[in-house]
Each structure stands twice: as C-alpha cells, then as structure tokens.
Amino acid sequence: MKQTRNPGPSVKAVPEGDNRTRLICPDCGYVEYTNPKVVVGAVCTWNDKILLCRRAIPPSRGLWTLPAGFMEMTETTAEGAAREVWEEATARVCVEDLIGIYEVPRISQVQFFYRAAMVDSDCAAGEESLEVNLFAWDDIPWDQLAFPSVPWVLERYKAGGGPWFTKVPINS
C-alpha cells in the first residue's frame, strides 16, 4: 500500500481571523507565518578608530561594512551583535547602547546597531571577511561601503546616536 506524505503548508489562503494570504497545511490546518529577518551589528571602536570588515561573501563582496549579520534563535539583539563581531572580525567587545534601528521593507529586514567598545585591539578576518581594519573617521572608505545602512549608522554614531529609528524609502 502506497503511503501518502503530508504535503505540509501548501495551500494559499487567508486563515480565519487573519487578513493576509498565508500558506496553510490542508491536513492539519498549520499556518506558516513568514516574518522579517533581524540583523544585528555594532560600531566597534578602539582608540577613536572604527572597526570595518571587507566582505568575503555576496552580496557586496569586496566592499567594507560594519560587523553585522542575522540574529540567531534564543539570543538578545546585543548578544547577537557581539557574536557577529566575533565571527566576522574575531574581536571581543563590550556592547553598550543602541545607536539605531534601520528598517528595509523591500528585503524584509529590521537592523539593530549598537555602540561597542573593543576589549583590546586584537582583530582578524573571520570566515565572512577578506580583511578587517581599524579606521580613523577621515580614513573610512566612504565610496566603498557595502550597504546604505552602513553610512547611516556611522553618521548616527558620530552624532551620538538617534534618532533611533528610520524607515528606508520603499524604492531604495
């Protein structure tokens, strides 16, 4: 006898009590919710210099960015930021205050960026970085930054943080 496999969420419909089309399992009624990705990162400093990573992976391979990446399950945004700094730049940091929240609806991301003091000057390229460097403000490679959020965060860092939230225009 051929056993049929449960197809899982495979029917597009608006669940009862909802207002959006979602994938629903026709057998058990499970509703699959697709939610935005949370990105966490930090402006890391050592002696008035800022840590940047040159990306080794797409998108924007070869361009400079702040250490940041997707938040993992069961961690806080600050813990995620510190982990991303370690993974991308092998630097240890003390995460301080939130600089800002950057929202990118067209790619379904919400980005949290913190101020973080490096514990020491030790840093090196992690698996996702070609190289890392500490830059004085005037030496930041502004024309080689990977994402629109990077200059936005750096400018808010320089201004002392805030406003804590921005909404990126839909077409950016």
N, C-alpha and C. Protein backbone atom coordinates (compact mmCIF):
# COMPACT_ATOMS: atom_id res chain seq x y z
N MET A 1 0.83 -1.17 0.00
CA MET A 1 0.00 0.00 0.00
C MET A 1 0.88 1.24 0.00
N LYS A 2 0.61 2.16 -0.90
CA LYS A 2 1.40 3.38 -1.02
C LYS A 2 0.99 4.36 0.08
N GLN A 3 2.02 4.81 0.81
CA GLN A 3 1.76 5.75 1.89
C GLN A 3 1.86 7.17 1.33
N THR A 4 0.85 8.00 1.60
CA THR A 4 0.90 9.38 1.13
C THR A 4 1.61 10.23 2.17
N ARG A 5 2.38 11.15 1.65
CA ARG A 5 3.16 12.05 2.51
C ARG A 5 2.36 13.32 2.76
N ASN A 6 2.35 13.75 3.98
CA ASN A 6 1.69 15.01 4.34
C ASN A 6 2.38 16.14 3.57
N PRO A 7 1.62 16.91 2.78
CA PRO A 7 2.24 17.96 1.98
C PRO A 7 2.68 19.16 2.80
N GLY A 8 2.24 19.26 4.04
CA GLY A 8 2.58 20.43 4.85
C GLY A 8 1.88 21.67 4.32
N PRO A 9 2.37 22.85 4.71
CA PRO A 9 1.73 24.09 4.26
C PRO A 9 1.87 24.24 2.73
N SER A 10 0.78 24.04 2.02
CA SER A 10 0.85 24.08 0.56
C SER A 10 -0.33 24.78 -0.10
N VAL A 11 -1.30 25.21 0.70
CA VAL A 11 -2.48 25.89 0.17
C VAL A 11 -2.41 27.35 0.56
N LYS A 12 -2.56 28.25 -0.43
CA LYS A 12 -2.56 29.68 -0.14
C LYS A 12 -3.99 30.11 0.17
N ALA A 13 -4.17 30.69 1.36
CA ALA A 13 -5.50 31.16 1.78
C ALA A 13 -5.33 32.14 2.92
N VAL A 14 -6.39 32.85 3.24
CA VAL A 14 -6.42 33.75 4.39
C VAL A 14 -6.98 32.96 5.57
N PRO A 15 -6.15 32.69 6.59
CA PRO A 15 -6.64 31.92 7.74
C PRO A 15 -7.74 32.69 8.47
N GLU A 16 -8.61 31.94 9.14
CA GLU A 16 -9.68 32.55 9.92
C GLU A 16 -9.07 33.49 10.96
N GLY A 17 -9.60 34.70 11.04
CA GLY A 17 -9.10 35.68 11.99
C GLY A 17 -7.88 36.44 11.53
N ASP A 18 -7.44 36.22 10.30
CA ASP A 18 -6.26 36.88 9.75
C ASP A 18 -6.71 37.79 8.61
N ASN A 19 -5.78 38.56 8.07
CA ASN A 19 -6.11 39.43 6.94
C ASN A 19 -5.11 39.33 5.79
N ARG A 20 -4.25 38.33 5.84
CA ARG A 20 -3.24 38.14 4.80
C ARG A 20 -3.26 36.71 4.30
N THR A 21 -2.88 36.56 3.04
CA THR A 21 -2.75 35.23 2.46
C THR A 21 -1.51 34.57 3.04
N ARG A 22 -1.66 33.35 3.48
CA ARG A 22 -0.56 32.59 4.07
C ARG A 22 -0.59 31.18 3.49
N LEU A 23 0.48 30.42 3.69
CA LEU A 23 0.48 29.00 3.35
C LEU A 23 -0.11 28.22 4.51
N ILE A 24 -1.05 27.33 4.20
CA ILE A 24 -1.74 26.55 5.21
C ILE A 24 -1.65 25.07 4.84
N CYS A 25 -1.48 24.22 5.84
CA CYS A 25 -1.49 22.78 5.61
C CYS A 25 -2.94 22.33 5.48
N PRO A 26 -3.29 21.68 4.35
CA PRO A 26 -4.68 21.25 4.17
C PRO A 26 -5.09 20.10 5.11
N ASP A 27 -4.11 19.38 5.65
CA ASP A 27 -4.43 18.25 6.52
C ASP A 27 -4.65 18.65 7.98
N CYS A 28 -3.74 19.49 8.51
CA CYS A 28 -3.81 19.79 9.95
C CYS A 28 -4.18 21.24 10.25
N GLY A 29 -4.16 22.09 9.22
CA GLY A 29 -4.51 23.49 9.44
C GLY A 29 -3.36 24.37 9.90
N TYR A 30 -2.15 23.81 10.00
CA TYR A 30 -0.98 24.60 10.40
C TYR A 30 -0.83 25.79 9.45
N VAL A 31 -0.55 26.97 10.02
CA VAL A 31 -0.35 28.19 9.23
C VAL A 31 1.13 28.55 9.28
N GLU A 32 1.73 28.74 8.11
CA GLU A 32 3.14 29.14 8.05
C GLU A 32 3.22 30.66 7.97
N TYR A 33 3.81 31.25 9.00
CA TYR A 33 3.99 32.70 9.02
C TYR A 33 5.42 33.01 8.59
N THR A 34 5.57 33.88 7.62
CA THR A 34 6.88 34.31 7.17
C THR A 34 7.10 35.72 7.70
N ASN A 35 8.14 35.89 8.50
CA ASN A 35 8.39 37.15 9.16
C ASN A 35 9.73 37.75 8.73
N PRO A 36 9.91 39.05 8.98
CA PRO A 36 11.17 39.70 8.59
C PRO A 36 12.38 39.09 9.29
N LYS A 37 13.52 39.26 8.68
CA LYS A 37 14.79 38.85 9.26
C LYS A 37 15.32 39.98 10.14
N VAL A 38 15.91 39.62 11.27
CA VAL A 38 16.50 40.60 12.17
C VAL A 38 18.02 40.55 11.98
N VAL A 39 18.60 41.71 11.67
CA VAL A 39 20.05 41.86 11.52
C VAL A 39 20.56 42.61 12.74
N VAL A 40 21.69 42.16 13.28
CA VAL A 40 22.30 42.80 14.44
C VAL A 40 23.76 43.10 14.13
N GLY A 41 24.23 44.25 14.60
CA GLY A 41 25.61 44.61 14.35
C GLY A 41 26.06 45.71 15.29
N ALA A 42 27.31 46.13 15.10
CA ALA A 42 27.88 47.11 16.01
C ALA A 42 28.91 48.01 15.34
N VAL A 43 28.97 49.23 15.84
CA VAL A 43 30.09 50.13 15.55
C VAL A 43 31.07 49.89 16.68
N CYS A 44 32.17 49.21 16.35
CA CYS A 44 33.18 48.82 17.34
C CYS A 44 34.33 49.80 17.29
N THR A 45 34.77 50.26 18.45
CA THR A 45 35.83 51.27 18.48
C THR A 45 37.00 50.83 19.36
N TRP A 46 38.17 51.31 18.94
CA TRP A 46 39.40 51.17 19.72
C TRP A 46 40.21 52.43 19.49
N ASN A 47 40.47 53.17 20.55
CA ASN A 47 41.25 54.42 20.46
C ASN A 47 40.75 55.34 19.34
N ASP A 48 39.49 55.65 19.33
CA ASP A 48 38.87 56.56 18.35
C ASP A 48 38.92 56.05 16.92
N LYS A 49 39.17 54.76 16.74
CA LYS A 49 39.11 54.15 15.41
C LYS A 49 37.94 53.19 15.35
N ILE A 50 37.42 53.01 14.14
CA ILE A 50 36.23 52.20 13.92
C ILE A 50 36.60 50.94 13.16
N LEU A 51 36.11 49.81 13.62
CA LEU A 51 36.37 48.51 13.01
C LEU A 51 35.44 48.29 11.81
N LEU A 52 36.04 48.02 10.66
CA LEU A 52 35.27 47.67 9.47
C LEU A 52 35.79 46.34 8.92
N CYS A 53 34.90 45.62 8.25
CA CYS A 53 35.23 44.33 7.66
C CYS A 53 35.01 44.40 6.16
N ARG A 54 35.96 43.89 5.39
CA ARG A 54 35.77 43.80 3.94
C ARG A 54 35.15 42.44 3.64
N ARG A 55 33.97 42.46 3.02
CA ARG A 55 33.16 41.26 2.85
C ARG A 55 33.80 40.23 1.93
N ALA A 56 33.75 38.97 2.36
CA ALA A 56 34.27 37.86 1.55
C ALA A 56 33.15 37.10 0.85
N ILE A 57 31.90 37.50 1.12
CA ILE A 57 30.75 36.79 0.57
C ILE A 57 29.78 37.78 -0.09
N PRO A 58 28.96 37.28 -1.02
CA PRO A 58 27.91 38.15 -1.57
C PRO A 58 26.82 38.37 -0.51
N PRO A 59 26.05 39.38 -0.58
CA PRO A 59 26.14 40.47 -1.55
C PRO A 59 27.25 41.45 -1.16
N SER A 60 27.65 42.24 -2.10
CA SER A 60 28.66 43.29 -1.90
C SER A 60 30.04 42.76 -1.53
N ARG A 61 30.41 41.62 -2.09
CA ARG A 61 31.73 41.04 -1.84
C ARG A 61 32.81 42.07 -2.19
N GLY A 62 33.80 42.20 -1.31
CA GLY A 62 34.91 43.12 -1.53
C GLY A 62 34.68 44.53 -1.00
N LEU A 63 33.47 44.84 -0.58
CA LEU A 63 33.19 46.16 -0.02
C LEU A 63 33.25 46.11 1.50
N TRP A 64 33.37 47.28 2.10
CA TRP A 64 33.52 47.39 3.55
C TRP A 64 32.18 47.53 4.25
N THR A 65 32.09 46.95 5.44
CA THR A 65 30.87 47.02 6.22
C THR A 65 31.20 46.97 7.71
N LEU A 66 30.20 47.28 8.50
CA LEU A 66 30.30 47.05 9.94
C LEU A 66 30.07 45.57 10.20
N PRO A 67 30.65 45.01 11.26
CA PRO A 67 30.35 43.61 11.56
C PRO A 67 28.87 43.48 11.94
N ALA A 68 28.16 42.67 11.19
CA ALA A 68 26.72 42.51 11.41
C ALA A 68 26.25 41.25 10.69
N GLY A 69 25.10 40.75 11.10
CA GLY A 69 24.54 39.59 10.44
C GLY A 69 23.22 39.21 11.08
N PHE A 70 22.69 38.08 10.67
CA PHE A 70 21.37 37.66 11.14
C PHE A 70 21.42 37.17 12.58
N MET A 71 20.43 37.61 13.33
CA MET A 71 20.26 37.19 14.72
C MET A 71 19.91 35.71 14.75
N GLU A 72 20.40 35.01 15.76
CA GLU A 72 20.11 33.59 15.95
C GLU A 72 19.01 33.43 17.00
N MET A 73 18.38 32.27 16.98
CA MET A 73 17.35 31.96 17.97
C MET A 73 17.95 31.98 19.37
N THR A 74 17.18 32.38 20.33
CA THR A 74 17.47 32.40 21.77
C THR A 74 18.53 33.41 22.20
N GLU A 75 18.94 34.34 21.33
CA GLU A 75 19.88 35.35 21.77
C GLU A 75 19.22 36.72 21.74
N THR A 76 19.72 37.63 22.55
CA THR A 76 19.24 39.00 22.52
C THR A 76 19.90 39.71 21.34
N THR A 77 19.38 40.88 20.98
CA THR A 77 20.00 41.62 19.89
C THR A 77 21.43 42.02 20.24
N ALA A 78 21.68 42.38 21.49
CA ALA A 78 23.04 42.75 21.90
C ALA A 78 23.98 41.54 21.87
N GLU A 79 23.50 40.39 22.32
CA GLU A 79 24.32 39.17 22.26
C GLU A 79 24.62 38.82 20.81
N GLY A 80 23.64 38.96 19.94
CA GLY A 80 23.84 38.68 18.52
C GLY A 80 24.87 39.60 17.90
N ALA A 81 24.82 40.88 18.28
CA ALA A 81 25.79 41.84 17.76
C ALA A 81 27.21 41.45 18.17
N ALA A 82 27.40 41.10 19.44
CA ALA A 82 28.72 40.68 19.92
C ALA A 82 29.18 39.41 19.21
N ARG A 83 28.27 38.47 19.00
CA ARG A 83 28.63 37.22 18.29
C ARG A 83 29.06 37.53 16.86
N GLU A 84 28.31 38.40 16.17
CA GLU A 84 28.66 38.75 14.79
C GLU A 84 30.03 39.43 14.72
N VAL A 85 30.33 40.28 15.69
CA VAL A 85 31.66 40.92 15.72
C VAL A 85 32.74 39.84 15.84
N TRP A 86 32.52 38.86 16.71
CA TRP A 86 33.49 37.78 16.87
C TRP A 86 33.62 36.97 15.57
N GLU A 87 32.48 36.59 14.97
CA GLU A 87 32.53 35.76 13.78
C GLU A 87 33.18 36.46 12.59
N GLU A 88 32.96 37.74 12.43
CA GLU A 88 33.47 38.45 11.26
C GLU A 88 34.83 39.10 11.47
N ALA A 89 35.17 39.41 12.74
CA ALA A 89 36.42 40.14 12.98
C ALA A 89 37.23 39.59 14.15
N THR A 90 36.86 38.47 14.71
CA THR A 90 37.49 37.86 15.88
C THR A 90 37.87 38.89 16.95
N ALA A 91 37.00 39.88 17.12
CA ALA A 91 37.22 40.91 18.13
C ALA A 91 36.26 40.70 19.29
N ARG A 92 36.76 40.95 20.50
CA ARG A 92 35.91 40.88 21.69
C ARG A 92 35.45 42.29 22.03
N VAL A 93 34.16 42.43 22.32
CA VAL A 93 33.61 43.76 22.59
C VAL A 93 32.71 43.77 23.81
N CYS A 94 32.53 44.95 24.37
CA CYS A 94 31.51 45.22 25.38
C CYS A 94 30.44 46.04 24.68
N VAL A 95 29.29 45.43 24.47
CA VAL A 95 28.20 46.12 23.79
C VAL A 95 27.62 47.15 24.75
N GLU A 96 27.47 48.38 24.25
CA GLU A 96 26.99 49.47 25.08
C GLU A 96 25.55 49.80 24.71
N ASP A 97 25.31 50.95 24.15
CA ASP A 97 23.94 51.37 23.88
C ASP A 97 23.55 51.20 22.41
N LEU A 98 22.25 51.23 22.19
CA LEU A 98 21.70 51.12 20.85
C LEU A 98 21.90 52.44 20.11
N ILE A 99 22.49 52.37 18.91
CA ILE A 99 22.66 53.55 18.08
C ILE A 99 21.40 53.81 17.27
N GLY A 100 20.85 52.75 16.68
CA GLY A 100 19.66 52.95 15.88
C GLY A 100 19.08 51.67 15.34
N ILE A 101 17.87 51.80 14.85
CA ILE A 101 17.14 50.71 14.20
C ILE A 101 16.89 51.15 12.77
N TYR A 102 17.31 50.33 11.83
CA TYR A 102 17.22 50.64 10.42
C TYR A 102 16.30 49.62 9.78
N GLU A 103 15.29 50.07 9.09
CA GLU A 103 14.26 49.19 8.54
C GLU A 103 14.34 49.19 7.01
N VAL A 104 14.36 48.00 6.42
CA VAL A 104 14.43 47.86 4.97
C VAL A 104 13.28 46.94 4.51
N PRO A 105 12.09 47.52 4.31
CA PRO A 105 10.92 46.70 3.98
C PRO A 105 11.05 45.91 2.69
N ARG A 106 11.73 46.44 1.69
CA ARG A 106 11.78 45.75 0.39
C ARG A 106 12.51 44.41 0.46
N ILE A 107 13.37 44.23 1.47
CA ILE A 107 14.03 42.94 1.66
C ILE A 107 13.66 42.32 3.01
N SER A 108 12.63 42.88 3.62
CA SER A 108 12.08 42.35 4.89
C SER A 108 13.13 42.20 5.98
N GLN A 109 13.86 43.29 6.22
CA GLN A 109 14.87 43.29 7.30
C GLN A 109 14.60 44.43 8.28
N VAL A 110 14.90 44.14 9.54
CA VAL A 110 14.98 45.14 10.59
C VAL A 110 16.37 45.00 11.17
N GLN A 111 17.12 46.11 11.20
CA GLN A 111 18.52 46.06 11.61
C GLN A 111 18.73 46.86 12.89
N PHE A 112 19.37 46.23 13.88
CA PHE A 112 19.69 46.86 15.16
C PHE A 112 21.21 47.06 15.22
N PHE A 113 21.64 48.30 15.42
CA PHE A 113 23.08 48.57 15.52
C PHE A 113 23.40 49.20 16.86
N TYR A 114 24.45 48.65 17.49
CA TYR A 114 24.89 49.08 18.80
C TYR A 114 26.25 49.76 18.73
N ARG A 115 26.55 50.51 19.77
CA ARG A 115 27.89 51.04 20.04
C ARG A 115 28.58 49.95 20.85
N ALA A 116 29.83 49.63 20.53
CA ALA A 116 30.55 48.59 21.26
C ALA A 116 32.02 48.96 21.38
N ALA A 117 32.53 48.88 22.59
CA ALA A 117 33.95 49.14 22.83
C ALA A 117 34.71 47.83 22.71
N MET A 118 35.79 47.85 21.94
CA MET A 118 36.63 46.67 21.83
C MET A 118 37.39 46.47 23.15
N VAL A 119 37.53 45.23 23.59
CA VAL A 119 38.24 44.91 24.82
C VAL A 119 39.73 45.16 24.65
N ASP A 120 40.24 44.90 23.46
CA ASP A 120 41.63 45.17 23.10
C ASP A 120 41.67 45.38 21.59
N SER A 121 42.82 45.63 21.05
CA SER A 121 42.92 45.93 19.61
C SER A 121 42.99 44.68 18.73
N ASP A 122 42.98 43.50 19.35
CA ASP A 122 43.07 42.26 18.58
C ASP A 122 41.86 42.07 17.68
N CYS A 123 42.14 41.86 16.41
CA CYS A 123 41.08 41.55 15.44
C CYS A 123 41.73 40.92 14.22
N ALA A 124 40.97 40.10 13.53
CA ALA A 124 41.45 39.44 12.32
C ALA A 124 40.23 39.02 11.51
N ALA A 125 40.43 38.80 10.24
CA ALA A 125 39.32 38.41 9.37
C ALA A 125 38.75 37.06 9.80
N GLY A 126 37.44 37.03 9.98
CA GLY A 126 36.73 35.78 10.21
C GLY A 126 36.37 35.17 8.87
N GLU A 127 35.56 34.12 8.90
CA GLU A 127 35.22 33.38 7.67
C GLU A 127 34.52 34.22 6.62
N GLU A 128 33.75 35.23 7.03
CA GLU A 128 32.99 36.02 6.08
C GLU A 128 33.67 37.32 5.69
N SER A 129 34.92 37.50 6.13
CA SER A 129 35.66 38.73 5.85
C SER A 129 36.95 38.44 5.11
N LEU A 130 37.27 39.30 4.14
CA LEU A 130 38.56 39.21 3.45
C LEU A 130 39.65 39.83 4.30
N GLU A 131 39.30 40.91 4.98
CA GLU A 131 40.22 41.58 5.88
C GLU A 131 39.41 42.47 6.81
N VAL A 132 40.04 42.88 7.90
CA VAL A 132 39.43 43.84 8.82
C VAL A 132 40.46 44.92 9.09
N ASN A 133 39.95 46.09 9.46
CA ASN A 133 40.87 47.20 9.73
C ASN A 133 40.19 48.18 10.67
N LEU A 134 41.01 48.88 11.43
CA LEU A 134 40.54 49.96 12.28
C LEU A 134 40.80 51.26 11.54
N PHE A 135 39.76 52.05 11.32
CA PHE A 135 39.84 53.28 10.53
C PHE A 135 39.58 54.51 11.39
N ALA A 136 40.43 55.53 11.24
CA ALA A 136 40.10 56.85 11.77
C ALA A 136 38.92 57.37 10.95
N TRP A 137 38.12 58.25 11.52
CA TRP A 137 36.91 58.75 10.84
C TRP A 137 37.23 59.26 9.43
N ASP A 138 38.27 60.05 9.29
CA ASP A 138 38.60 60.63 7.98
C ASP A 138 39.16 59.62 6.99
N ASP A 139 39.50 58.44 7.46
CA ASP A 139 40.06 57.40 6.57
C ASP A 139 39.04 56.32 6.18
N ILE A 140 37.82 56.44 6.66
CA ILE A 140 36.79 55.46 6.31
C ILE A 140 36.59 55.49 4.79
N PRO A 141 36.58 54.32 4.13
CA PRO A 141 36.40 54.28 2.67
C PRO A 141 34.92 54.47 2.27
N TRP A 142 34.44 55.70 2.41
CA TRP A 142 33.03 56.01 2.23
C TRP A 142 32.50 55.57 0.87
N ASP A 143 33.33 55.63 -0.16
CA ASP A 143 32.87 55.24 -1.51
C ASP A 143 32.94 53.72 -1.74
N GLN A 144 33.36 52.97 -0.72
CA GLN A 144 33.45 51.52 -0.84
C GLN A 144 32.66 50.80 0.26
N LEU A 145 31.61 51.45 0.76
CA LEU A 145 30.79 50.83 1.80
C LEU A 145 29.72 49.95 1.16
N ALA A 146 29.45 48.82 1.78
CA ALA A 146 28.63 47.77 1.18
C ALA A 146 27.13 48.06 1.11
N PHE A 147 26.58 48.70 2.13
CA PHE A 147 25.12 48.81 2.22
C PHE A 147 24.72 50.21 2.67
N PRO A 148 23.52 50.67 2.30
CA PRO A 148 23.07 52.01 2.72
C PRO A 148 23.00 52.17 4.24
N SER A 149 22.80 51.09 4.97
CA SER A 149 22.72 51.20 6.42
C SER A 149 24.07 51.56 7.05
N VAL A 150 25.18 51.25 6.39
CA VAL A 150 26.50 51.49 7.00
C VAL A 150 26.76 52.99 7.18
N PRO A 151 26.67 53.82 6.13
CA PRO A 151 26.89 55.25 6.39
C PRO A 151 25.83 55.85 7.32
N TRP A 152 24.59 55.35 7.23
CA TRP A 152 23.53 55.83 8.11
C TRP A 152 23.92 55.61 9.57
N VAL A 153 24.37 54.39 9.89
CA VAL A 153 24.75 54.06 11.27
C VAL A 153 25.98 54.85 11.69
N LEU A 154 26.97 54.94 10.82
CA LEU A 154 28.19 55.67 11.16
C LEU A 154 27.88 57.15 11.47
N GLU A 155 27.03 57.77 10.68
CA GLU A 155 26.66 59.17 10.92
C GLU A 155 25.92 59.31 12.25
N ARG A 156 25.04 58.39 12.59
CA ARG A 156 24.33 58.44 13.86
C ARG A 156 25.28 58.16 15.02
N TYR A 157 26.25 57.29 14.80
CA TYR A 157 27.26 57.05 15.82
C TYR A 157 28.01 58.35 16.11
N LYS A 158 28.45 59.02 15.05
CA LYS A 158 29.21 60.27 15.22
C LYS A 158 28.36 61.34 15.91
N ALA A 159 27.07 61.36 15.61
CA ALA A 159 26.17 62.35 16.21
C ALA A 159 25.75 61.97 17.62
N GLY A 160 26.19 60.82 18.11
CA GLY A 160 25.86 60.41 19.46
C GLY A 160 24.69 59.46 19.56
N GLY A 161 24.25 58.94 18.41
CA GLY A 161 23.11 58.02 18.41
C GLY A 161 21.84 58.76 18.05
N GLY A 162 20.78 58.02 17.81
CA GLY A 162 19.48 58.59 17.49
C GLY A 162 19.50 59.46 16.24
N PRO A 163 18.36 59.79 15.62
CA PRO A 163 17.13 59.16 16.08
C PRO A 163 17.25 57.65 15.94
N TRP A 164 16.62 56.94 16.82
CA TRP A 164 16.82 55.51 16.90
C TRP A 164 16.15 54.73 15.81
N PHE A 165 15.35 55.36 15.02
CA PHE A 165 14.57 54.60 14.05
C PHE A 165 14.50 55.37 12.74
N THR A 166 14.60 54.67 11.64
CA THR A 166 14.33 55.28 10.35
C THR A 166 13.62 54.26 9.47
N LYS A 167 12.85 54.76 8.57
CA LYS A 167 12.19 53.90 7.59
C LYS A 167 12.80 54.23 6.24
N VAL A 168 13.36 53.23 5.59
CA VAL A 168 14.01 53.42 4.31
C VAL A 168 12.91 53.56 3.25
N PRO A 169 13.05 54.52 2.33
CA PRO A 169 12.06 54.62 1.26
C PRO A 169 11.91 53.29 0.54
N ILE A 170 10.71 52.98 0.14
CA ILE A 170 10.38 51.69 -0.49
C ILE A 170 11.27 51.39 -1.69
N ASN A 171 11.65 52.38 -2.47
CA ASN A 171 12.41 52.14 -3.70
C ASN A 171 13.92 52.08 -3.48
N SER A 172 14.41 52.14 -2.25
CA SER A 172 15.87 52.12 -2.07
C SER A 172 16.41 50.71 -2.01
